[in-house]
Amino acid sequence: MLELLVAGGWLMAVLVLCSVVALAICIERFYTLNPKKIAPPHLLATVWKQLKAGEMDAARLKALKQSSPLGRILAAGLSNAYHGREVMKESIEEAAGHVVHDLERYLNTLGTIAAVTPLIGLLGTVVGMIRVFAEIMSQGTGNASVLAGGISQALITTAAGLTIAIPALAMHRYFVGKIDAIVVELEQETIKLVDALHSEEHAEGKS
């Protein structure tokens, strides 16, 4: 393995760095994008129970905001619940935008690595082939083994670039899909709260 790294030249160091960064991002996102941590299953039911009992004071609202991303969105909505449905929805959308931004953290970097590493590998191959042709110009084509070795070394960077890019691209698509599913779940939970809260207020207003 060390021989391949040395044979690939200085661009292999760049590719190794890209692979380390991509792996770190994947591990961090696997840990962070846990649906149960982002949207705890019984959080909405607990919040609604506290609202019905009149227990949702400033301290509980602060604790809700700090509990999870869903709690952060619900707290933003509850803070403006009595300013009308539209104001509540706007505050929820604003909080949700910040949450989604946090969920998508580092994904641009992962996507960039997936796009750039094949190009870095290709650049390494081009540089290697230039060296091979320089050898041909200076020594001729008499030593086939030297030429074959030079060509194989030139192709190492392309192989390394693709080896990094393919998993990075797959993981980027996976995380994007996972975030989309989480966002849909967050929207459903917040819509339930808005509808329940304002439908009850509407019913009380009629009575």
N, C-alpha and C. Protein backbone atom coordinates (compact mmCIF):
# COMPACT_ATOMS: atom_id res chain seq x y z
N MET A 1 0.82 -1.21 0.00
CA MET A 1 0.00 0.00 0.00
C MET A 1 0.86 1.27 0.00
N LEU A 2 1.91 1.25 0.83
CA LEU A 2 2.79 2.41 0.89
C LEU A 2 3.48 2.63 -0.45
N GLU A 3 3.82 1.52 -1.12
CA GLU A 3 4.47 1.63 -2.43
C GLU A 3 3.54 2.31 -3.44
N LEU A 4 2.24 2.00 -3.37
CA LEU A 4 1.27 2.63 -4.28
C LEU A 4 1.15 4.12 -4.01
N LEU A 5 1.15 4.48 -2.72
CA LEU A 5 1.06 5.89 -2.36
C LEU A 5 2.26 6.67 -2.88
N VAL A 6 3.44 6.07 -2.71
CA VAL A 6 4.67 6.72 -3.18
C VAL A 6 4.69 6.80 -4.70
N ALA A 7 4.24 5.71 -5.34
CA ALA A 7 4.27 5.66 -6.81
C ALA A 7 3.31 6.67 -7.42
N GLY A 8 2.21 6.96 -6.72
CA GLY A 8 1.22 7.89 -7.26
C GLY A 8 1.65 9.34 -7.21
N GLY A 9 2.71 9.64 -6.49
CA GLY A 9 3.20 11.02 -6.43
C GLY A 9 2.47 11.85 -5.38
N TRP A 10 2.73 13.16 -5.42
CA TRP A 10 2.20 14.05 -4.39
C TRP A 10 0.68 14.17 -4.43
N LEU A 11 0.08 13.91 -5.60
CA LEU A 11 -1.38 13.98 -5.68
C LEU A 11 -2.05 12.89 -4.84
N MET A 12 -1.33 11.80 -4.60
CA MET A 12 -1.89 10.75 -3.75
C MET A 12 -2.10 11.25 -2.33
N ALA A 13 -1.24 12.16 -1.89
CA ALA A 13 -1.41 12.74 -0.55
C ALA A 13 -2.71 13.54 -0.47
N VAL A 14 -3.03 14.26 -1.56
CA VAL A 14 -4.29 15.01 -1.61
C VAL A 14 -5.48 14.05 -1.58
N LEU A 15 -5.38 12.95 -2.32
CA LEU A 15 -6.47 11.97 -2.35
C LEU A 15 -6.66 11.29 -1.00
N VAL A 16 -5.55 11.00 -0.34
CA VAL A 16 -5.65 10.39 1.00
C VAL A 16 -6.34 11.35 1.97
N LEU A 17 -5.99 12.64 1.89
CA LEU A 17 -6.63 13.64 2.73
C LEU A 17 -8.13 13.71 2.45
N CYS A 18 -8.49 13.68 1.17
CA CYS A 18 -9.92 13.69 0.79
C CYS A 18 -10.65 12.48 1.35
N SER A 19 -10.00 11.32 1.30
CA SER A 19 -10.65 10.10 1.81
C SER A 19 -10.86 10.18 3.32
N VAL A 20 -9.90 10.75 4.04
CA VAL A 20 -10.02 10.89 5.49
C VAL A 20 -11.16 11.84 5.84
N VAL A 21 -11.25 12.97 5.13
CA VAL A 21 -12.31 13.94 5.37
C VAL A 21 -13.68 13.33 5.06
N ALA A 22 -13.78 12.62 3.93
CA ALA A 22 -15.04 11.99 3.55
C ALA A 22 -15.48 10.97 4.59
N LEU A 23 -14.55 10.16 5.07
CA LEU A 23 -14.87 9.16 6.08
C LEU A 23 -15.34 9.82 7.38
N ALA A 24 -14.66 10.89 7.78
CA ALA A 24 -15.03 11.60 9.01
C ALA A 24 -16.44 12.18 8.89
N ILE A 25 -16.76 12.75 7.74
CA ILE A 25 -18.09 13.32 7.52
C ILE A 25 -19.16 12.23 7.59
N CYS A 26 -18.90 11.10 6.96
CA CYS A 26 -19.86 9.99 6.96
C CYS A 26 -20.14 9.50 8.38
N ILE A 27 -19.09 9.34 9.16
CA ILE A 27 -19.26 8.87 10.54
C ILE A 27 -20.04 9.91 11.35
N GLU A 28 -19.69 11.19 11.20
CA GLU A 28 -20.37 12.25 11.95
C GLU A 28 -21.85 12.35 11.56
N ARG A 29 -22.15 12.27 10.26
CA ARG A 29 -23.54 12.37 9.81
C ARG A 29 -24.36 11.13 10.21
N PHE A 30 -23.74 9.96 10.20
CA PHE A 30 -24.43 8.75 10.66
C PHE A 30 -24.89 8.93 12.10
N TYR A 31 -24.01 9.50 12.91
CA TYR A 31 -24.33 9.71 14.32
C TYR A 31 -25.37 10.81 14.50
N THR A 32 -25.24 11.90 13.74
CA THR A 32 -26.10 13.06 13.92
C THR A 32 -27.50 12.85 13.35
N LEU A 33 -27.58 12.22 12.18
CA LEU A 33 -28.88 12.07 11.50
C LEU A 33 -29.63 10.85 12.02
N ASN A 34 -29.84 10.86 13.32
CA ASN A 34 -30.63 9.81 13.95
C ASN A 34 -32.06 10.31 14.10
N PRO A 35 -33.02 9.74 13.37
CA PRO A 35 -34.40 10.26 13.40
C PRO A 35 -34.99 10.35 14.81
N LYS A 36 -34.64 9.40 15.67
CA LYS A 36 -35.20 9.41 17.02
C LYS A 36 -34.64 10.55 17.87
N LYS A 37 -33.42 10.98 17.56
CA LYS A 37 -32.84 12.12 18.26
C LYS A 37 -33.35 13.44 17.69
N ILE A 38 -33.58 13.47 16.40
CA ILE A 38 -34.04 14.69 15.75
C ILE A 38 -35.52 14.94 16.02
N ALA A 39 -36.32 13.88 15.90
CA ALA A 39 -37.76 13.98 16.14
C ALA A 39 -38.18 12.86 17.09
N PRO A 40 -37.99 13.04 18.40
CA PRO A 40 -38.38 12.02 19.37
C PRO A 40 -39.83 11.60 19.18
N PRO A 41 -40.12 10.30 19.20
CA PRO A 41 -41.45 9.77 18.83
C PRO A 41 -42.61 10.36 19.63
N HIS A 42 -42.45 10.54 20.93
CA HIS A 42 -43.58 10.96 21.77
C HIS A 42 -43.49 12.43 22.20
N LEU A 43 -42.64 13.19 21.54
CA LEU A 43 -42.45 14.58 21.96
C LEU A 43 -43.71 15.41 21.76
N LEU A 44 -44.34 15.28 20.60
CA LEU A 44 -45.54 16.08 20.31
C LEU A 44 -46.66 15.76 21.29
N ALA A 45 -46.84 14.49 21.61
CA ALA A 45 -47.88 14.09 22.57
C ALA A 45 -47.60 14.69 23.95
N THR A 46 -46.34 14.70 24.34
CA THR A 46 -45.96 15.27 25.63
C THR A 46 -46.22 16.77 25.67
N VAL A 47 -45.86 17.46 24.58
CA VAL A 47 -46.08 18.90 24.50
C VAL A 47 -47.57 19.22 24.56
N TRP A 48 -48.35 18.47 23.83
CA TRP A 48 -49.80 18.71 23.81
C TRP A 48 -50.42 18.47 25.18
N LYS A 49 -49.94 17.45 25.87
CA LYS A 49 -50.42 17.15 27.22
C LYS A 49 -50.10 18.30 28.17
N GLN A 50 -48.89 18.85 28.05
CA GLN A 50 -48.49 19.98 28.89
C GLN A 50 -49.31 21.23 28.57
N LEU A 51 -49.62 21.42 27.30
CA LEU A 51 -50.43 22.57 26.91
C LEU A 51 -51.84 22.46 27.47
N LYS A 52 -52.42 21.28 27.38
CA LYS A 52 -53.78 21.07 27.89
C LYS A 52 -53.85 21.26 29.40
N ALA A 53 -52.76 20.88 30.06
CA ALA A 53 -52.73 21.00 31.52
C ALA A 53 -52.28 22.39 31.98
N GLY A 54 -51.92 23.25 31.03
CA GLY A 54 -51.47 24.59 31.38
C GLY A 54 -50.10 24.62 32.02
N GLU A 55 -49.27 23.64 31.69
CA GLU A 55 -47.95 23.51 32.30
C GLU A 55 -46.82 24.05 31.43
N MET A 56 -47.15 24.57 30.25
CA MET A 56 -46.11 25.02 29.33
C MET A 56 -45.68 26.45 29.68
N ASP A 57 -44.82 26.54 30.69
CA ASP A 57 -44.32 27.84 31.10
C ASP A 57 -43.01 28.14 30.38
N ALA A 58 -42.37 29.25 30.73
CA ALA A 58 -41.13 29.68 30.06
C ALA A 58 -40.00 28.67 30.25
N ALA A 59 -39.92 28.07 31.42
CA ALA A 59 -38.86 27.10 31.69
C ALA A 59 -39.03 25.85 30.84
N ARG A 60 -40.28 25.36 30.76
CA ARG A 60 -40.54 24.17 29.93
C ARG A 60 -40.33 24.47 28.45
N LEU A 61 -40.68 25.69 28.05
CA LEU A 61 -40.49 26.08 26.65
C LEU A 61 -39.00 26.13 26.30
N LYS A 62 -38.20 26.63 27.22
CA LYS A 62 -36.75 26.66 27.01
C LYS A 62 -36.17 25.26 26.95
N ALA A 63 -36.65 24.38 27.84
CA ALA A 63 -36.19 22.99 27.84
C ALA A 63 -36.59 22.29 26.55
N LEU A 64 -37.80 22.58 26.06
CA LEU A 64 -38.27 22.01 24.79
C LEU A 64 -37.38 22.45 23.64
N LYS A 65 -37.01 23.73 23.63
CA LYS A 65 -36.18 24.27 22.56
C LYS A 65 -34.81 23.60 22.52
N GLN A 66 -34.29 23.24 23.68
CA GLN A 66 -32.95 22.66 23.77
C GLN A 66 -32.95 21.13 23.67
N SER A 67 -34.14 20.53 23.65
CA SER A 67 -34.22 19.07 23.72
C SER A 67 -33.85 18.37 22.42
N SER A 68 -34.26 18.94 21.28
CA SER A 68 -34.06 18.28 19.99
C SER A 68 -34.40 19.28 18.88
N PRO A 69 -34.03 18.97 17.63
CA PRO A 69 -34.42 19.85 16.52
C PRO A 69 -35.93 20.02 16.40
N LEU A 70 -36.70 18.94 16.57
CA LEU A 70 -38.16 19.06 16.54
C LEU A 70 -38.64 19.95 17.68
N GLY A 71 -38.05 19.78 18.87
CA GLY A 71 -38.40 20.63 20.00
C GLY A 71 -38.11 22.09 19.72
N ARG A 72 -37.01 22.35 19.01
CA ARG A 72 -36.66 23.73 18.65
C ARG A 72 -37.72 24.35 17.74
N ILE A 73 -38.23 23.55 16.80
CA ILE A 73 -39.26 24.05 15.88
C ILE A 73 -40.58 24.26 16.62
N LEU A 74 -40.97 23.29 17.44
CA LEU A 74 -42.22 23.40 18.19
C LEU A 74 -42.18 24.59 19.16
N ALA A 75 -41.04 24.79 19.79
CA ALA A 75 -40.89 25.92 20.73
C ALA A 75 -41.04 27.25 20.00
N ALA A 76 -40.48 27.33 18.80
CA ALA A 76 -40.62 28.57 18.01
C ALA A 76 -42.07 28.84 17.68
N GLY A 77 -42.81 27.77 17.34
CA GLY A 77 -44.23 27.94 17.04
C GLY A 77 -45.04 28.31 18.26
N LEU A 78 -44.77 27.66 19.38
CA LEU A 78 -45.52 27.93 20.60
C LEU A 78 -45.25 29.33 21.13
N SER A 79 -44.04 29.84 20.90
CA SER A 79 -43.71 31.19 21.35
C SER A 79 -44.58 32.24 20.67
N ASN A 80 -45.06 31.91 19.48
CA ASN A 80 -45.89 32.85 18.71
C ASN A 80 -47.29 32.31 18.45
N ALA A 81 -47.69 31.35 19.26
CA ALA A 81 -48.97 30.66 19.02
C ALA A 81 -50.17 31.60 19.13
N TYR A 82 -50.06 32.60 19.99
CA TYR A 82 -51.22 33.45 20.25
C TYR A 82 -51.20 34.74 19.43
N HIS A 83 -50.31 34.78 18.44
CA HIS A 83 -50.27 35.92 17.52
C HIS A 83 -50.99 35.58 16.21
N GLY A 84 -51.62 34.43 16.17
CA GLY A 84 -52.34 34.03 14.97
C GLY A 84 -51.65 32.89 14.24
N ARG A 85 -52.43 32.19 13.45
CA ARG A 85 -51.95 31.01 12.73
C ARG A 85 -50.81 31.35 11.78
N GLU A 86 -50.93 32.44 11.03
CA GLU A 86 -49.92 32.78 10.04
C GLU A 86 -48.58 33.14 10.69
N VAL A 87 -48.65 33.90 11.77
CA VAL A 87 -47.41 34.27 12.47
C VAL A 87 -46.75 33.03 13.05
N MET A 88 -47.56 32.12 13.57
CA MET A 88 -47.03 30.87 14.12
C MET A 88 -46.35 30.05 13.03
N LYS A 89 -46.99 29.96 11.86
CA LYS A 89 -46.42 29.20 10.75
C LYS A 89 -45.11 29.82 10.27
N GLU A 90 -45.07 31.15 10.22
CA GLU A 90 -43.84 31.82 9.77
C GLU A 90 -42.68 31.56 10.73
N SER A 91 -42.96 31.60 12.03
CA SER A 91 -41.91 31.34 13.02
C SER A 91 -41.44 29.89 12.94
N ILE A 92 -42.37 28.97 12.68
CA ILE A 92 -42.02 27.56 12.53
C ILE A 92 -41.15 27.36 11.29
N GLU A 93 -41.51 28.01 10.18
CA GLU A 93 -40.75 27.88 8.94
C GLU A 93 -39.33 28.44 9.11
N GLU A 94 -39.22 29.55 9.84
CA GLU A 94 -37.90 30.13 10.07
C GLU A 94 -37.02 29.20 10.90
N ALA A 95 -37.60 28.64 11.98
CA ALA A 95 -36.85 27.70 12.82
C ALA A 95 -36.50 26.44 12.04
N ALA A 96 -37.45 25.98 11.21
CA ALA A 96 -37.21 24.76 10.41
C ALA A 96 -36.08 24.98 9.42
N GLY A 97 -35.99 26.20 8.87
CA GLY A 97 -34.90 26.51 7.94
C GLY A 97 -33.54 26.36 8.60
N HIS A 98 -33.42 26.83 9.84
CA HIS A 98 -32.16 26.69 10.59
C HIS A 98 -31.86 25.21 10.89
N VAL A 99 -32.91 24.47 11.22
CA VAL A 99 -32.74 23.04 11.53
C VAL A 99 -32.27 22.28 10.29
N VAL A 100 -32.90 22.55 9.15
CA VAL A 100 -32.51 21.87 7.91
C VAL A 100 -31.07 22.22 7.54
N HIS A 101 -30.71 23.48 7.75
CA HIS A 101 -29.32 23.89 7.47
C HIS A 101 -28.34 23.08 8.32
N ASP A 102 -28.69 22.87 9.58
CA ASP A 102 -27.83 22.06 10.46
C ASP A 102 -27.78 20.61 10.01
N LEU A 103 -28.91 20.09 9.54
CA LEU A 103 -28.95 18.69 9.08
C LEU A 103 -28.07 18.49 7.84
N GLU A 104 -27.99 19.52 7.02
CA GLU A 104 -27.23 19.42 5.76
C GLU A 104 -25.76 19.81 5.93
N ARG A 105 -25.34 20.04 7.18
CA ARG A 105 -23.96 20.45 7.43
C ARG A 105 -22.98 19.41 6.89
N TYR A 106 -21.93 19.87 6.26
CA TYR A 106 -20.83 19.06 5.70
C TYR A 106 -21.21 18.30 4.43
N LEU A 107 -22.48 18.29 4.03
CA LEU A 107 -22.85 17.52 2.84
C LEU A 107 -22.30 18.16 1.57
N ASN A 108 -22.19 19.49 1.55
CA ASN A 108 -21.57 20.15 0.39
C ASN A 108 -20.11 19.72 0.24
N THR A 109 -19.42 19.60 1.39
CA THR A 109 -18.03 19.15 1.36
C THR A 109 -17.94 17.73 0.84
N LEU A 110 -18.85 16.87 1.30
CA LEU A 110 -18.84 15.48 0.84
C LEU A 110 -19.13 15.40 -0.65
N GLY A 111 -20.09 16.19 -1.12
CA GLY A 111 -20.40 16.21 -2.55
C GLY A 111 -19.25 16.75 -3.38
N THR A 112 -18.55 17.74 -2.84
CA THR A 112 -17.39 18.30 -3.54
C THR A 112 -16.28 17.25 -3.66
N ILE A 113 -16.05 16.50 -2.59
CA ILE A 113 -15.05 15.44 -2.64
C ILE A 113 -15.42 14.40 -3.68
N ALA A 114 -16.70 14.03 -3.74
CA ALA A 114 -17.16 13.05 -4.73
C ALA A 114 -16.94 13.54 -6.15
N ALA A 115 -17.08 14.85 -6.36
CA ALA A 115 -16.93 15.41 -7.71
C ALA A 115 -15.47 15.66 -8.08
N VAL A 116 -14.66 16.04 -7.09
CA VAL A 116 -13.30 16.50 -7.38
C VAL A 116 -12.28 15.36 -7.44
N THR A 117 -12.45 14.33 -6.60
CA THR A 117 -11.43 13.29 -6.54
C THR A 117 -11.17 12.57 -7.87
N PRO A 118 -12.20 12.30 -8.70
CA PRO A 118 -11.87 11.71 -10.01
C PRO A 118 -11.02 12.64 -10.87
N LEU A 119 -11.28 13.94 -10.75
CA LEU A 119 -10.50 14.91 -11.53
C LEU A 119 -9.06 14.98 -11.03
N ILE A 120 -8.89 14.89 -9.72
CA ILE A 120 -7.53 14.87 -9.17
C ILE A 120 -6.80 13.62 -9.66
N GLY A 121 -7.52 12.48 -9.64
CA GLY A 121 -6.92 11.24 -10.14
C GLY A 121 -6.55 11.34 -11.60
N LEU A 122 -7.43 11.97 -12.40
CA LEU A 122 -7.14 12.15 -13.82
C LEU A 122 -5.93 13.07 -14.02
N LEU A 123 -5.85 14.10 -13.20
CA LEU A 123 -4.69 15.00 -13.28
C LEU A 123 -3.41 14.23 -12.99
N GLY A 124 -3.46 13.36 -11.99
CA GLY A 124 -2.28 12.54 -11.68
C GLY A 124 -1.88 11.66 -12.84
N THR A 125 -2.88 11.11 -13.51
CA THR A 125 -2.59 10.26 -14.68
C THR A 125 -1.96 11.07 -15.81
N VAL A 126 -2.51 12.24 -16.05
CA VAL A 126 -1.98 13.10 -17.12
C VAL A 126 -0.52 13.48 -16.81
N VAL A 127 -0.27 13.86 -15.55
CA VAL A 127 1.10 14.21 -15.16
C VAL A 127 2.02 13.02 -15.33
N GLY A 128 1.54 11.84 -14.93
CA GLY A 128 2.35 10.63 -15.09
C GLY A 128 2.64 10.30 -16.54
N MET A 129 1.64 10.47 -17.41
CA MET A 129 1.84 10.19 -18.83
C MET A 129 2.81 11.18 -19.46
N ILE A 130 2.75 12.41 -19.00
CA ILE A 130 3.72 13.40 -19.50
C ILE A 130 5.14 12.95 -19.16
N ARG A 131 5.32 12.42 -17.94
CA ARG A 131 6.64 11.92 -17.55
C ARG A 131 7.06 10.74 -18.41
N VAL A 132 6.08 9.86 -18.71
CA VAL A 132 6.39 8.69 -19.56
C VAL A 132 6.86 9.14 -20.93
N PHE A 133 6.16 10.10 -21.53
CA PHE A 133 6.56 10.57 -22.86
C PHE A 133 7.89 11.32 -22.81
N ALA A 134 8.15 11.97 -21.68
CA ALA A 134 9.45 12.62 -21.53
C ALA A 134 10.56 11.57 -21.52
N GLU A 135 10.31 10.42 -20.87
CA GLU A 135 11.27 9.32 -20.87
C GLU A 135 11.47 8.77 -22.27
N ILE A 136 10.37 8.66 -23.02
CA ILE A 136 10.47 8.16 -24.39
C ILE A 136 11.33 9.09 -25.24
N MET A 137 11.13 10.39 -25.06
CA MET A 137 11.89 11.37 -25.84
C MET A 137 13.38 11.33 -25.50
N SER A 138 13.69 11.07 -24.23
CA SER A 138 15.08 11.10 -23.81
C SER A 138 15.79 9.77 -24.01
N GLN A 139 15.06 8.64 -23.83
CA GLN A 139 15.71 7.32 -23.87
C GLN A 139 15.20 6.43 -25.00
N GLY A 140 14.12 6.86 -25.68
CA GLY A 140 13.56 6.01 -26.72
C GLY A 140 12.62 4.97 -26.14
N THR A 141 12.20 4.04 -26.97
CA THR A 141 11.21 3.03 -26.56
C THR A 141 11.85 1.66 -26.36
N GLY A 142 13.15 1.65 -26.19
CA GLY A 142 13.84 0.36 -26.08
C GLY A 142 13.52 -0.40 -24.81
N ASN A 143 13.30 0.28 -23.70
CA ASN A 143 13.06 -0.38 -22.42
C ASN A 143 11.55 -0.39 -22.14
N ALA A 144 10.91 -1.47 -22.59
CA ALA A 144 9.45 -1.57 -22.46
C ALA A 144 9.01 -1.68 -21.00
N SER A 145 9.81 -2.33 -20.16
CA SER A 145 9.43 -2.51 -18.75
C SER A 145 9.36 -1.18 -18.01
N VAL A 146 10.30 -0.30 -18.33
CA VAL A 146 10.29 1.02 -17.70
C VAL A 146 9.06 1.80 -18.12
N LEU A 147 8.70 1.72 -19.40
CA LEU A 147 7.52 2.42 -19.90
C LEU A 147 6.25 1.86 -19.28
N ALA A 148 6.16 0.53 -19.22
CA ALA A 148 4.97 -0.10 -18.64
C ALA A 148 4.82 0.26 -17.17
N GLY A 149 5.96 0.29 -16.46
CA GLY A 149 5.92 0.68 -15.05
C GLY A 149 5.48 2.11 -14.88
N GLY A 150 5.97 2.98 -15.76
CA GLY A 150 5.58 4.39 -15.68
C GLY A 150 4.10 4.59 -15.94
N ILE A 151 3.57 3.85 -16.93
CA ILE A 151 2.14 3.97 -17.26
C ILE A 151 1.28 3.45 -16.10
N SER A 152 1.68 2.33 -15.51
CA SER A 152 0.90 1.77 -14.40
C SER A 152 0.90 2.73 -13.20
N GLN A 153 2.04 3.36 -12.96
CA GLN A 153 2.11 4.34 -11.88
C GLN A 153 1.21 5.54 -12.18
N ALA A 154 1.14 5.92 -13.44
CA ALA A 154 0.31 7.06 -13.82
C ALA A 154 -1.17 6.77 -13.58
N LEU A 155 -1.58 5.52 -13.76
CA LEU A 155 -2.99 5.15 -13.61
C LEU A 155 -3.41 4.95 -12.15
N ILE A 156 -2.44 4.87 -11.26
CA ILE A 156 -2.75 4.64 -9.83
C ILE A 156 -3.63 5.76 -9.29
N THR A 157 -3.33 7.00 -9.64
CA THR A 157 -4.10 8.12 -9.10
C THR A 157 -5.55 8.10 -9.59
N THR A 158 -5.76 7.72 -10.85
CA THR A 158 -7.13 7.63 -11.35
C THR A 158 -7.91 6.56 -10.60
N ALA A 159 -7.29 5.41 -10.38
CA ALA A 159 -7.95 4.35 -9.63
C ALA A 159 -8.26 4.79 -8.20
N ALA A 160 -7.31 5.49 -7.59
CA ALA A 160 -7.51 5.97 -6.22
C ALA A 160 -8.63 7.01 -6.17
N GLY A 161 -8.65 7.91 -7.14
CA GLY A 161 -9.69 8.93 -7.18
C GLY A 161 -11.08 8.34 -7.31
N LEU A 162 -11.23 7.35 -8.18
CA LEU A 162 -12.53 6.70 -8.37
C LEU A 162 -12.92 5.88 -7.14
N THR A 163 -11.92 5.27 -6.50
CA THR A 163 -12.19 4.49 -5.29
C THR A 163 -12.75 5.37 -4.18
N ILE A 164 -12.32 6.60 -4.12
CA ILE A 164 -12.83 7.53 -3.12
C ILE A 164 -14.16 8.14 -3.57
N ALA A 165 -14.26 8.51 -4.84
CA ALA A 165 -15.42 9.24 -5.34
C ALA A 165 -16.70 8.41 -5.32
N ILE A 166 -16.61 7.14 -5.69
CA ILE A 166 -17.82 6.31 -5.81
C ILE A 166 -18.53 6.15 -4.45
N PRO A 167 -17.83 5.74 -3.38
CA PRO A 167 -18.51 5.67 -2.08
C PRO A 167 -18.97 7.04 -1.57
N ALA A 168 -18.16 8.08 -1.82
CA ALA A 168 -18.52 9.43 -1.35
C ALA A 168 -19.82 9.89 -2.01
N LEU A 169 -19.95 9.64 -3.31
CA LEU A 169 -21.18 10.02 -4.02
C LEU A 169 -22.38 9.22 -3.51
N ALA A 170 -22.17 7.92 -3.30
CA ALA A 170 -23.25 7.07 -2.79
C ALA A 170 -23.72 7.54 -1.41
N MET A 171 -22.77 7.86 -0.55
CA MET A 171 -23.11 8.31 0.80
C MET A 171 -23.77 9.69 0.77
N HIS A 172 -23.34 10.55 -0.13
CA HIS A 172 -23.96 11.87 -0.26
C HIS A 172 -25.43 11.72 -0.65
N ARG A 173 -25.72 10.86 -1.63
CA ARG A 173 -27.10 10.63 -2.04
C ARG A 173 -27.90 10.01 -0.90
N TYR A 174 -27.29 9.11 -0.17
CA TYR A 174 -27.97 8.46 0.96
C TYR A 174 -28.36 9.48 2.01
N PHE A 175 -27.43 10.36 2.39
CA PHE A 175 -27.70 11.35 3.43
C PHE A 175 -28.75 12.37 2.96
N VAL A 176 -28.70 12.76 1.69
CA VAL A 176 -29.70 13.69 1.16
C VAL A 176 -31.09 13.08 1.25
N GLY A 177 -31.21 11.80 0.87
CA GLY A 177 -32.50 11.11 0.97
C GLY A 177 -32.97 10.99 2.41
N LYS A 178 -32.04 10.72 3.31
CA LYS A 178 -32.39 10.58 4.72
C LYS A 178 -32.87 11.92 5.28
N ILE A 179 -32.21 13.00 4.92
CA ILE A 179 -32.62 14.33 5.38
C ILE A 179 -34.00 14.68 4.85
N ASP A 180 -34.27 14.36 3.58
CA ASP A 180 -35.59 14.62 3.00
C ASP A 180 -36.68 13.91 3.80
N ALA A 181 -36.43 12.65 4.17
CA ALA A 181 -37.41 11.89 4.95
C ALA A 181 -37.61 12.51 6.33
N ILE A 182 -36.52 12.96 6.94
CA ILE A 182 -36.62 13.58 8.27
C ILE A 182 -37.38 14.89 8.19
N VAL A 183 -37.14 15.68 7.15
CA VAL A 183 -37.83 16.96 6.99
C VAL A 183 -39.33 16.75 6.83
N VAL A 184 -39.71 15.73 6.08
CA VAL A 184 -41.14 15.42 5.91
C VAL A 184 -41.77 15.09 7.26
N GLU A 185 -41.06 14.31 8.06
CA GLU A 185 -41.56 13.95 9.39
C GLU A 185 -41.69 15.18 10.29
N LEU A 186 -40.70 16.07 10.24
CA LEU A 186 -40.76 17.30 11.02
C LEU A 186 -41.97 18.15 10.60
N GLU A 187 -42.20 18.25 9.31
CA GLU A 187 -43.33 19.03 8.80
C GLU A 187 -44.65 18.45 9.29
N GLN A 188 -44.78 17.13 9.24
CA GLN A 188 -46.01 16.48 9.67
C GLN A 188 -46.29 16.74 11.15
N GLU A 189 -45.24 16.65 11.97
CA GLU A 189 -45.41 16.86 13.40
C GLU A 189 -45.81 18.31 13.71
N THR A 190 -45.17 19.26 13.05
CA THR A 190 -45.49 20.67 13.32
C THR A 190 -46.87 21.04 12.80
N ILE A 191 -47.26 20.48 11.66
CA ILE A 191 -48.61 20.74 11.13
C ILE A 191 -49.67 20.22 12.10
N LYS A 192 -49.41 19.06 12.69
CA LYS A 192 -50.34 18.52 13.68
C LYS A 192 -50.53 19.49 14.85
N LEU A 193 -49.43 20.08 15.32
CA LEU A 193 -49.52 21.01 16.44
C LEU A 193 -50.29 22.26 16.05
N VAL A 194 -49.97 22.83 14.89
CA VAL A 194 -50.64 24.05 14.43
C VAL A 194 -52.13 23.80 14.28
N ASP A 195 -52.49 22.70 13.60
CA ASP A 195 -53.90 22.41 13.36
C ASP A 195 -54.64 22.16 14.67
N ALA A 196 -54.02 21.39 15.57
CA ALA A 196 -54.68 21.07 16.84
C ALA A 196 -54.87 22.32 17.68
N LEU A 197 -53.85 23.17 17.73
CA LEU A 197 -53.90 24.35 18.58
C LEU A 197 -54.94 25.36 18.08
N HIS A 198 -54.92 25.61 16.78
CA HIS A 198 -55.81 26.65 16.25
C HIS A 198 -57.22 26.15 15.98
N SER A 199 -57.37 24.85 15.75
CA SER A 199 -58.72 24.31 15.63
C SER A 199 -59.42 24.35 16.98
N GLU A 200 -58.67 24.14 18.06
CA GLU A 200 -59.25 24.21 19.40
C GLU A 200 -59.61 25.66 19.73
N GLU A 201 -58.73 26.60 19.38
CA GLU A 201 -59.03 28.01 19.62
C GLU A 201 -60.28 28.44 18.84
N HIS A 202 -60.40 27.93 17.62
CA HIS A 202 -61.54 28.26 16.78
C HIS A 202 -62.82 27.72 17.41
N ALA A 203 -62.74 26.51 17.94
CA ALA A 203 -63.91 25.90 18.59
C ALA A 203 -64.30 26.67 19.83
N GLU A 204 -63.31 27.12 20.61
CA GLU A 204 -63.58 27.90 21.82
C GLU A 204 -64.18 29.25 21.47
N GLY A 205 -63.72 29.82 20.35
CA GLY A 205 -64.26 31.10 19.92
C GLY A 205 -65.73 31.00 19.54
N LYS A 206 -66.11 29.89 18.92
CA LYS A 206 -67.51 29.68 18.54
C LYS A 206 -68.39 29.49 19.76
N SER A 207 -67.84 28.77 20.74
CA SER A 207 -68.64 28.51 21.93
C SER A 207 -68.75 29.76 22.79
